[in-house]
Amino acid sequence: MEFNKKNLMILGIFFGVMLYFIGLGSYIALGPSTEDYDLPRQVSSVLKLSGMGLICISMIVGGFFIEGFDKDAKVLLLIFGLIFLLLNIFIISYS
């Protein structure tokens, strides 16, 4: 497999989605969190935020630096990357 910018962006999005769903599953696997035992929620939050961050970075960098896409696809990558970034900052990080 040839590693060019487009393949690296796709790999980044793939690993970001994978980390996000591992974060969802880790909350279930570690059991319920209580006031004294907050580890499941913390581990789940770190994995989900890391996954969403990787998705945002891949989309924003892909929108700027990948050749071979038309202008509309680049703009869509940038817009969705910024939307995911704002979701990550204002909604998911507070849950």
PDB file of N, CA and C in Angstrom:
ATOM      1  N   MET A   1       0.847  -1.175   0.000  1.00  0.00           N
ATOM      2  CA  MET A   1       0.000   0.000   0.000  1.00  0.00           C
ATOM      3  C   MET A   1       0.893   1.240   0.000  1.00  0.00           C
ATOM      4  N   GLU A   2       0.600   2.109  -0.888  1.00  0.00           N
ATOM      5  CA  GLU A   2       1.369   3.342  -1.025  1.00  0.00           C
ATOM      6  C   GLU A   2       0.814   4.387  -0.053  1.00  0.00           C
ATOM      7  N   PHE A   3       1.686   4.971   0.757  1.00  0.00           N
ATOM      8  CA  PHE A   3       1.251   5.962   1.729  1.00  0.00           C
ATOM      9  C   PHE A   3       1.380   7.356   1.140  1.00  0.00           C
ATOM     10  N   ASN A   4       0.291   7.845   0.600  1.00  0.00           N
ATOM     11  CA  ASN A   4       0.249   9.230   0.174  1.00  0.00           C
ATOM     12  C   ASN A   4      -0.693   9.982   1.121  1.00  0.00           C
ATOM     13  N   LYS A   5      -0.911  11.234   0.881  1.00  0.00           N
ATOM     14  CA  LYS A   5      -1.696  12.053   1.803  1.00  0.00           C
ATOM     15  C   LYS A   5      -3.145  11.592   1.894  1.00  0.00           C
ATOM     16  N   LYS A   6      -3.696  11.153   0.774  1.00  0.00           N
ATOM     17  CA  LYS A   6      -5.091  10.724   0.775  1.00  0.00           C
ATOM     18  C   LYS A   6      -5.268   9.456   1.609  1.00  0.00           C
ATOM     19  N   ASN A   7      -4.363   8.490   1.455  1.00  0.00           N
ATOM     20  CA  ASN A   7      -4.463   7.260   2.235  1.00  0.00           C
ATOM     21  C   ASN A   7      -4.238   7.520   3.724  1.00  0.00           C
ATOM     22  N   LEU A   8      -3.338   8.432   4.052  1.00  0.00           N
ATOM     23  CA  LEU A   8      -3.118   8.762   5.454  1.00  0.00           C
ATOM     24  C   LEU A   8      -4.339   9.440   6.067  1.00  0.00           C
ATOM     25  N   MET A   9      -5.043  10.272   5.289  1.00  0.00           N
ATOM     26  CA  MET A   9      -6.258  10.891   5.793  1.00  0.00           C
ATOM     27  C   MET A   9      -7.322   9.833   6.053  1.00  0.00           C
ATOM     28  N   ILE A  10      -7.478   8.897   5.136  1.00  0.00           N
ATOM     29  CA  ILE A  10      -8.468   7.835   5.305  1.00  0.00           C
ATOM     30  C   ILE A  10      -8.108   6.965   6.510  1.00  0.00           C
ATOM     31  N   LEU A  11      -6.822   6.657   6.680  1.00  0.00           N
ATOM     32  CA  LEU A  11      -6.384   5.889   7.850  1.00  0.00           C
ATOM     33  C   LEU A  11      -6.646   6.651   9.148  1.00  0.00           C
ATOM     34  N   GLY A  12      -6.426   7.956   9.146  1.00  0.00           N
ATOM     35  CA  GLY A  12      -6.698   8.767  10.331  1.00  0.00           C
ATOM     36  C   GLY A  12      -8.164   8.765  10.695  1.00  0.00           C
ATOM     37  N   ILE A  13      -9.027   8.888   9.695  1.00  0.00           N
ATOM     38  CA  ILE A  13     -10.464   8.847   9.957  1.00  0.00           C
ATOM     39  C   ILE A  13     -10.863   7.466  10.463  1.00  0.00           C
ATOM     40  N   PHE A  14     -10.303   6.417   9.860  1.00  0.00           N
ATOM     41  CA  PHE A  14     -10.612   5.048  10.280  1.00  0.00           C
ATOM     42  C   PHE A  14     -10.211   4.816  11.736  1.00  0.00           C
ATOM     43  N   PHE A  15      -8.981   5.189  12.100  1.00  0.00           N
ATOM     44  CA  PHE A  15      -8.532   4.979  13.475  1.00  0.00           C
ATOM     45  C   PHE A  15      -9.277   5.884  14.455  1.00  0.00           C
ATOM     46  N   GLY A  16      -9.690   7.071  14.015  1.00  0.00           N
ATOM     47  CA  GLY A  16     -10.480   7.943  14.876  1.00  0.00           C
ATOM     48  C   GLY A  16     -11.838   7.353  15.191  1.00  0.00           C
ATOM     49  N   VAL A  17     -12.509   6.817  14.180  1.00  0.00           N
ATOM     50  CA  VAL A  17     -13.808   6.167  14.398  1.00  0.00           C
ATOM     51  C   VAL A  17     -13.630   4.933  15.277  1.00  0.00           C
ATOM     52  N   MET A  18     -12.552   4.186  15.035  1.00  0.00           N
ATOM     53  CA  MET A  18     -12.285   2.992  15.833  1.00  0.00           C
ATOM     54  C   MET A  18     -12.053   3.366  17.304  1.00  0.00           C
ATOM     55  N   LEU A  19     -11.263   4.403  17.559  1.00  0.00           N
ATOM     56  CA  LEU A  19     -11.032   4.842  18.940  1.00  0.00           C
ATOM     57  C   LEU A  19     -12.318   5.312  19.608  1.00  0.00           C
ATOM     58  N   TYR A  20     -13.172   5.998  18.846  1.00  0.00           N
ATOM     59  CA  TYR A  20     -14.431   6.481  19.410  1.00  0.00           C
ATOM     60  C   TYR A  20     -15.304   5.313  19.859  1.00  0.00           C
ATOM     61  N   PHE A  21     -15.426   4.293  19.022  1.00  0.00           N
ATOM     62  CA  PHE A  21     -16.272   3.166  19.392  1.00  0.00           C
ATOM     63  C   PHE A  21     -15.632   2.297  20.467  1.00  0.00           C
ATOM     64  N   ILE A  22     -14.313   2.237  20.523  1.00  0.00           N
ATOM     65  CA  ILE A  22     -13.652   1.547  21.635  1.00  0.00           C
ATOM     66  C   ILE A  22     -13.938   2.300  22.935  1.00  0.00           C
ATOM     67  N   GLY A  23     -13.980   3.623  22.867  1.00  0.00           N
ATOM     68  CA  GLY A  23     -14.335   4.421  24.041  1.00  0.00           C
ATOM     69  C   GLY A  23     -15.751   4.162  24.502  1.00  0.00           C
ATOM     70  N   LEU A  24     -16.672   4.000  23.553  1.00  0.00           N
ATOM     71  CA  LEU A  24     -18.043   3.664  23.934  1.00  0.00           C
ATOM     72  C   LEU A  24     -18.106   2.288  24.584  1.00  0.00           C
ATOM     73  N   GLY A  25     -17.380   1.338  24.019  1.00  0.00           N
ATOM     74  CA  GLY A  25     -17.386  -0.017  24.561  1.00  0.00           C
ATOM     75  C   GLY A  25     -16.656  -0.137  25.886  1.00  0.00           C
ATOM     76  N   SER A  26     -15.653   0.687  26.112  1.00  0.00           N
ATOM     77  CA  SER A  26     -14.898   0.597  27.366  1.00  0.00           C
ATOM     78  C   SER A  26     -15.748   1.005  28.559  1.00  0.00           C
ATOM     79  N   TYR A  27     -16.684   1.901  28.355  1.00  0.00           N
ATOM     80  CA  TYR A  27     -17.571   2.289  29.454  1.00  0.00           C
ATOM     81  C   TYR A  27     -18.433   1.110  29.875  1.00  0.00           C
ATOM     82  N   ILE A  28     -18.876   0.338  28.904  1.00  0.00           N
ATOM     83  CA  ILE A  28     -19.687  -0.841  29.204  1.00  0.00           C
ATOM     84  C   ILE A  28     -18.824  -1.931  29.831  1.00  0.00           C
ATOM     85  N   ALA A  29     -17.614  -2.117  29.315  1.00  0.00           N
ATOM     86  CA  ALA A  29     -16.751  -3.199  29.793  1.00  0.00           C
ATOM     87  C   ALA A  29     -16.230  -2.952  31.206  1.00  0.00           C
ATOM     88  N   LEU A  30     -15.972  -1.705  31.569  1.00  0.00           N
ATOM     89  CA  LEU A  30     -15.420  -1.415  32.891  1.00  0.00           C
ATOM     90  C   LEU A  30     -16.477  -1.321  33.975  1.00  0.00           C
ATOM     91  N   GLY A  31     -17.729  -1.358  33.612  1.00  0.00           N
ATOM     92  CA  GLY A  31     -18.796  -1.325  34.601  1.00  0.00           C
ATOM     93  C   GLY A  31     -19.263   0.090  34.887  1.00  0.00           C
ATOM     94  N   PRO A  32     -20.281   0.203  35.711  1.00  0.00           N
ATOM     95  CA  PRO A  32     -20.839   1.535  35.994  1.00  0.00           C
ATOM     96  C   PRO A  32     -19.894   2.365  36.861  1.00  0.00           C
ATOM     97  N   SER A  33     -19.945   3.652  36.658  1.00  0.00           N
ATOM     98  CA  SER A  33     -19.129   4.546  37.485  1.00  0.00           C
ATOM     99  C   SER A  33     -19.998   5.107  38.609  1.00  0.00           C
ATOM    100  N   THR A  34     -19.402   5.276  39.754  1.00  0.00           N
ATOM    101  CA  THR A  34     -20.085   5.856  40.907  1.00  0.00           C
ATOM    102  C   THR A  34     -19.334   7.124  41.312  1.00  0.00           C
ATOM    103  N   GLU A  35     -19.743   7.701  42.431  1.00  0.00           N
ATOM    104  CA  GLU A  35     -19.050   8.905  42.896  1.00  0.00           C
ATOM    105  C   GLU A  35     -17.623   8.594  43.329  1.00  0.00           C
ATOM    106  N   ASP A  36     -17.419   7.407  43.885  1.00  0.00           N
ATOM    107  CA  ASP A  36     -16.077   7.030  44.343  1.00  0.00           C
ATOM    108  C   ASP A  36     -15.244   6.390  43.243  1.00  0.00           C
ATOM    109  N   TYR A  37     -15.888   5.675  42.339  1.00  0.00           N
ATOM    110  CA  TYR A  37     -15.184   4.932  41.280  1.00  0.00           C
ATOM    111  C   TYR A  37     -15.536   5.560  39.943  1.00  0.00           C
ATOM    112  N   ASP A  38     -14.710   6.500  39.509  1.00  0.00           N
ATOM    113  CA  ASP A  38     -15.008   7.281  38.306  1.00  0.00           C
ATOM    114  C   ASP A  38     -14.158   6.862  37.107  1.00  0.00           C
ATOM    115  N   LEU A  39     -13.404   5.785  37.232  1.00  0.00           N
ATOM    116  CA  LEU A  39     -12.480   5.363  36.182  1.00  0.00           C
ATOM    117  C   LEU A  39     -13.168   5.031  34.853  1.00  0.00           C
ATOM    118  N   PRO A  40     -14.311   4.308  34.834  1.00  0.00           N
ATOM    119  CA  PRO A  40     -14.916   3.986  33.526  1.00  0.00           C
ATOM    120  C   PRO A  40     -15.282   5.220  32.712  1.00  0.00           C
ATOM    121  N   ARG A  41     -15.834   6.219  33.370  1.00  0.00           N
ATOM    122  CA  ARG A  41     -16.222   7.432  32.652  1.00  0.00           C
ATOM    123  C   ARG A  41     -14.997   8.186  32.153  1.00  0.00           C
ATOM    124  N   GLN A  42     -13.932   8.204  32.936  1.00  0.00           N
ATOM    125  CA  GLN A  42     -12.720   8.909  32.534  1.00  0.00           C
ATOM    126  C   GLN A  42     -12.030   8.223  31.357  1.00  0.00           C
ATOM    127  N   VAL A  43     -11.921   6.898  31.415  1.00  0.00           N
ATOM    128  CA  VAL A  43     -11.290   6.159  30.318  1.00  0.00           C
ATOM    129  C   VAL A  43     -12.107   6.310  29.045  1.00  0.00           C
ATOM    130  N   SER A  44     -13.422   6.192  29.178  1.00  0.00           N
ATOM    131  CA  SER A  44     -14.295   6.335  28.019  1.00  0.00           C
ATOM    132  C   SER A  44     -14.178   7.732  27.413  1.00  0.00           C
ATOM    133  N   SER A  45     -14.136   8.745  28.252  1.00  0.00           N
ATOM    134  CA  SER A  45     -14.035  10.119  27.751  1.00  0.00           C
ATOM    135  C   SER A  45     -12.721  10.365  27.029  1.00  0.00           C
ATOM    136  N   VAL A  46     -11.624   9.853  27.578  1.00  0.00           N
ATOM    137  CA  VAL A  46     -10.321  10.051  26.940  1.00  0.00           C
ATOM    138  C   VAL A  46     -10.293   9.387  25.569  1.00  0.00           C
ATOM    139  N   LEU A  47     -10.796   8.162  25.475  1.00  0.00           N
ATOM    140  CA  LEU A  47     -10.779   7.459  24.187  1.00  0.00           C
ATOM    141  C   LEU A  47     -11.708   8.119  23.169  1.00  0.00           C
ATOM    142  N   LYS A  48     -12.901   8.525  23.614  1.00  0.00           N
ATOM    143  CA  LYS A  48     -13.835   9.167  22.681  1.00  0.00           C
ATOM    144  C   LYS A  48     -13.305  10.511  22.194  1.00  0.00           C
ATOM    145  N   LEU A  49     -12.751  11.307  23.102  1.00  0.00           N
ATOM    146  CA  LEU A  49     -12.222  12.609  22.687  1.00  0.00           C
ATOM    147  C   LEU A  49     -10.994  12.462  21.800  1.00  0.00           C
ATOM    148  N   SER A  50     -10.168  11.455  22.065  1.00  0.00           N
ATOM    149  CA  SER A  50      -9.008  11.213  21.195  1.00  0.00           C
ATOM    150  C   SER A  50      -9.457  10.802  19.801  1.00  0.00           C
ATOM    151  N   GLY A  51     -10.467   9.947  19.730  1.00  0.00           N
ATOM    152  CA  GLY A  51     -10.990   9.529  18.433  1.00  0.00           C
ATOM    153  C   GLY A  51     -11.588  10.679  17.654  1.00  0.00           C
ATOM    154  N   MET A  52     -12.380  11.506  18.326  1.00  0.00           N
ATOM    155  CA  MET A  52     -12.971  12.656  17.643  1.00  0.00           C
ATOM    156  C   MET A  52     -11.899  13.660  17.233  1.00  0.00           C
ATOM    157  N   GLY A  53     -10.881  13.829  18.047  1.00  0.00           N
ATOM    158  CA  GLY A  53      -9.784  14.725  17.686  1.00  0.00           C
ATOM    159  C   GLY A  53      -9.032  14.239  16.465  1.00  0.00           C
ATOM    160  N   LEU A  54      -8.803  12.930  16.387  1.00  0.00           N
ATOM    161  CA  LEU A  54      -8.119  12.367  15.224  1.00  0.00           C
ATOM    162  C   LEU A  54      -8.963  12.531  13.960  1.00  0.00           C
ATOM    163  N   ILE A  55     -10.271  12.371  14.093  1.00  0.00           N
ATOM    164  CA  ILE A  55     -11.165  12.579  12.948  1.00  0.00           C
ATOM    165  C   ILE A  55     -11.103  14.037  12.497  1.00  0.00           C
ATOM    166  N   CYS A  56     -11.176  14.963  13.451  1.00  0.00           N
ATOM    167  CA  CYS A  56     -11.129  16.398  13.114  1.00  0.00           C
ATOM    168  C   CYS A  56      -9.824  16.768  12.428  1.00  0.00           C
ATOM    169  N   ILE A  57      -8.720  16.311  12.991  1.00  0.00           N
ATOM    170  CA  ILE A  57      -7.418  16.638  12.410  1.00  0.00           C
ATOM    171  C   ILE A  57      -7.299  16.077  11.004  1.00  0.00           C
ATOM    172  N   SER A  58      -7.734  14.840  10.817  1.00  0.00           N
ATOM    173  CA  SER A  58      -7.635  14.218   9.492  1.00  0.00           C
ATOM    174  C   SER A  58      -8.474  14.963   8.464  1.00  0.00           C
ATOM    175  N   MET A  59      -9.671  15.378   8.859  1.00  0.00           N
ATOM    176  CA  MET A  59     -10.537  16.066   7.902  1.00  0.00           C
ATOM    177  C   MET A  59     -10.027  17.467   7.584  1.00  0.00           C
ATOM    178  N   ILE A  60      -9.586  18.192   8.587  1.00  0.00           N
ATOM    179  CA  ILE A  60      -9.119  19.561   8.344  1.00  0.00           C
ATOM    180  C   ILE A  60      -7.827  19.555   7.540  1.00  0.00           C
ATOM    181  N   VAL A  61      -6.871  18.710   7.935  1.00  0.00           N
ATOM    182  CA  VAL A  61      -5.611  18.637   7.193  1.00  0.00           C
ATOM    183  C   VAL A  61      -5.856  18.098   5.786  1.00  0.00           C
ATOM    184  N   GLY A  62      -6.763  17.131   5.658  1.00  0.00           N
ATOM    185  CA  GLY A  62      -7.099  16.605   4.334  1.00  0.00           C
ATOM    186  C   GLY A  62      -7.731  17.655   3.438  1.00  0.00           C
ATOM    187  N   GLY A  63      -8.545  18.527   4.024  1.00  0.00           N
ATOM    188  CA  GLY A  63      -9.151  19.592   3.239  1.00  0.00           C
ATOM    189  C   GLY A  63      -8.148  20.611   2.737  1.00  0.00           C
ATOM    190  N   PHE A  64      -7.069  20.798   3.471  1.00  0.00           N
ATOM    191  CA  PHE A  64      -6.053  21.759   3.049  1.00  0.00           C
ATOM    192  C   PHE A  64      -5.028  21.174   2.085  1.00  0.00           C
ATOM    193  N   PHE A  65      -4.564  19.967   2.334  1.00  0.00           N
ATOM    194  CA  PHE A  65      -3.338  19.508   1.693  1.00  0.00           C
ATOM    195  C   PHE A  65      -3.483  18.384   0.685  1.00  0.00           C
ATOM    196  N   ILE A  66      -4.658  17.853   0.460  1.00  0.00           N
ATOM    197  CA  ILE A  66      -4.770  16.714  -0.459  1.00  0.00           C
ATOM    198  C   ILE A  66      -5.058  17.213  -1.868  1.00  0.00           C
ATOM    199  N   GLU A  67      -4.244  16.754  -2.794  1.00  0.00           N
ATOM    200  CA  GLU A  67      -4.463  17.084  -4.197  1.00  0.00           C
ATOM    201  C   GLU A  67      -5.339  15.991  -4.810  1.00  0.00           C
ATOM    202  N   GLY A  68      -5.998  16.314  -5.866  1.00  0.00           N
ATOM    203  CA  GLY A  68      -6.812  15.329  -6.563  1.00  0.00           C
ATOM    204  C   GLY A  68      -8.287  15.418  -6.218  1.00  0.00           C
ATOM    205  N   PHE A  69      -8.638  16.154  -5.180  1.00  0.00           N
ATOM    206  CA  PHE A  69     -10.043  16.379  -4.861  1.00  0.00           C
ATOM    207  C   PHE A  69     -10.477  17.666  -5.546  1.00  0.00           C
ATOM    208  N   ASP A  70     -11.742  17.715  -5.904  1.00  0.00           N
ATOM    209  CA  ASP A  70     -12.233  18.974  -6.443  1.00  0.00           C
ATOM    210  C   ASP A  70     -12.443  19.961  -5.284  1.00  0.00           C
ATOM    211  N   LYS A  71     -12.713  21.196  -5.641  1.00  0.00           N
ATOM    212  CA  LYS A  71     -12.799  22.259  -4.643  1.00  0.00           C
ATOM    213  C   LYS A  71     -13.958  22.025  -3.675  1.00  0.00           C
ATOM    214  N   ASP A  72     -15.070  21.489  -4.174  1.00  0.00           N
ATOM    215  CA  ASP A  72     -16.229  21.252  -3.310  1.00  0.00           C
ATOM    216  C   ASP A  72     -15.942  20.193  -2.250  1.00  0.00           C
ATOM    217  N   ALA A  73     -15.234  19.131  -2.620  1.00  0.00           N
ATOM    218  CA  ALA A  73     -14.898  18.081  -1.652  1.00  0.00           C
ATOM    219  C   ALA A  73     -13.959  18.619  -0.575  1.00  0.00           C
ATOM    220  N   LYS A  74     -13.029  19.469  -0.960  1.00  0.00           N
ATOM    221  CA  LYS A  74     -12.123  20.062   0.025  1.00  0.00           C
ATOM    222  C   LYS A  74     -12.882  20.964   0.995  1.00  0.00           C
ATOM    223  N   VAL A  75     -13.809  21.743   0.467  1.00  0.00           N
ATOM    224  CA  VAL A  75     -14.598  22.627   1.329  1.00  0.00           C
ATOM    225  C   VAL A  75     -15.466  21.802   2.276  1.00  0.00           C
ATOM    226  N   LEU A  76     -16.052  20.715   1.780  1.00  0.00           N
ATOM    227  CA  LEU A  76     -16.858  19.857   2.650  1.00  0.00           C
ATOM    228  C   LEU A  76     -16.012  19.214   3.746  1.00  0.00           C
ATOM    229  N   LEU A  77     -14.811  18.768   3.409  1.00  0.00           N
ATOM    230  CA  LEU A  77     -13.923  18.214   4.437  1.00  0.00           C
ATOM    231  C   LEU A  77     -13.605  19.253   5.509  1.00  0.00           C
ATOM    232  N   LEU A  78     -13.329  20.473   5.086  1.00  0.00           N
ATOM    233  CA  LEU A  78     -13.032  21.532   6.053  1.00  0.00           C
ATOM    234  C   LEU A  78     -14.239  21.855   6.922  1.00  0.00           C
ATOM    235  N   ILE A  79     -15.412  21.970   6.307  1.00  0.00           N
ATOM    236  CA  ILE A  79     -16.618  22.313   7.066  1.00  0.00           C
ATOM    237  C   ILE A  79     -16.962  21.221   8.065  1.00  0.00           C
ATOM    238  N   PHE A  80     -16.963  19.960   7.618  1.00  0.00           N
ATOM    239  CA  PHE A  80     -17.291  18.873   8.541  1.00  0.00           C
ATOM    240  C   PHE A  80     -16.216  18.704   9.610  1.00  0.00           C
ATOM    241  N   GLY A  81     -14.963  18.943   9.267  1.00  0.00           N
ATOM    242  CA  GLY A  81     -13.906  18.900  10.273  1.00  0.00           C
ATOM    243  C   GLY A  81     -14.100  19.962  11.341  1.00  0.00           C
ATOM    244  N   LEU A  82     -14.476  21.165  10.930  1.00  0.00           N
ATOM    245  CA  LEU A  82     -14.723  22.233  11.903  1.00  0.00           C
ATOM    246  C   LEU A  82     -15.975  21.966  12.727  1.00  0.00           C
ATOM    247  N   ILE A  83     -17.013  21.388  12.112  1.00  0.00           N
ATOM    248  CA  ILE A  83     -18.223  21.034  12.863  1.00  0.00           C
ATOM    249  C   ILE A  83     -17.903  19.983  13.919  1.00  0.00           C
ATOM    250  N   PHE A  84     -17.145  18.946  13.533  1.00  0.00           N
ATOM    251  CA  PHE A  84     -16.759  17.927  14.508  1.00  0.00           C
ATOM    252  C   PHE A  84     -15.882  18.521  15.605  1.00  0.00           C
ATOM    253  N   LEU A  85     -15.024  19.462  15.248  1.00  0.00           N
ATOM    254  CA  LEU A  85     -14.180  20.106  16.249  1.00  0.00           C
ATOM    255  C   LEU A  85     -15.027  20.883  17.251  1.00  0.00           C
ATOM    256  N   LEU A  86     -16.010  21.625  16.768  1.00  0.00           N
ATOM    257  CA  LEU A  86     -16.886  22.373  17.669  1.00  0.00           C
ATOM    258  C   LEU A  86     -17.734  21.442  18.522  1.00  0.00           C
ATOM    259  N   LEU A  87     -18.216  20.339  17.932  1.00  0.00           N
ATOM    260  CA  LEU A  87     -18.943  19.343  18.723  1.00  0.00           C
ATOM    261  C   LEU A  87     -18.050  18.768  19.809  1.00  0.00           C
ATOM    262  N   ASN A  88     -16.820  18.499  19.446  1.00  0.00           N
ATOM    263  CA  ASN A  88     -15.858  17.932  20.384  1.00  0.00           C
ATOM    264  C   ASN A  88     -15.604  18.888  21.542  1.00  0.00           C
ATOM    265  N   ILE A  89     -15.486  20.161  21.255  1.00  0.00           N
ATOM    266  CA  ILE A  89     -15.173  21.136  22.296  1.00  0.00           C
ATOM    267  C   ILE A  89     -16.382  21.422  23.178  1.00  0.00           C
ATOM    268  N   PHE A  90     -17.529  21.689  22.578  1.00  0.00           N
ATOM    269  CA  PHE A  90     -18.648  22.215  23.351  1.00  0.00           C
ATOM    270  C   PHE A  90     -19.644  21.177  23.841  1.00  0.00           C
ATOM    271  N   ILE A  91     -19.742  20.026  23.199  1.00  0.00           N
ATOM    272  CA  ILE A  91     -20.777  19.067  23.599  1.00  0.00           C
ATOM    273  C   ILE A  91     -20.183  17.805  24.206  1.00  0.00           C
ATOM    274  N   ILE A  92     -19.311  17.130  23.477  1.00  0.00           N
ATOM    275  CA  ILE A  92     -18.831  15.824  23.925  1.00  0.00           C
ATOM    276  C   ILE A  92     -17.901  15.958  25.122  1.00  0.00           C
ATOM    277  N   SER A  93     -17.127  17.026  25.202  1.00  0.00           N
ATOM    278  CA  SER A  93     -16.179  17.153  26.312  1.00  0.00           C
ATOM    279  C   SER A  93     -16.876  17.432  27.641  1.00  0.00           C
ATOM    280  N   TYR A  94     -18.131  17.864  27.634  1.00  0.00           N
ATOM    281  CA  TYR A  94     -18.844  18.130  28.876  1.00  0.00           C
ATOM    282  C   TYR A  94     -19.717  16.980  29.322  1.00  0.00           C
ATOM    283  N   SER A  95     -19.774  15.898  28.552  1.00  0.00           N
ATOM    284  CA  SER A  95     -20.629  14.775  28.955  1.00  0.00           C
ATOM    285  C   SER A  95     -19.864  13.755  29.748  1.00  0.00           C
TER     286      SER A  95
END
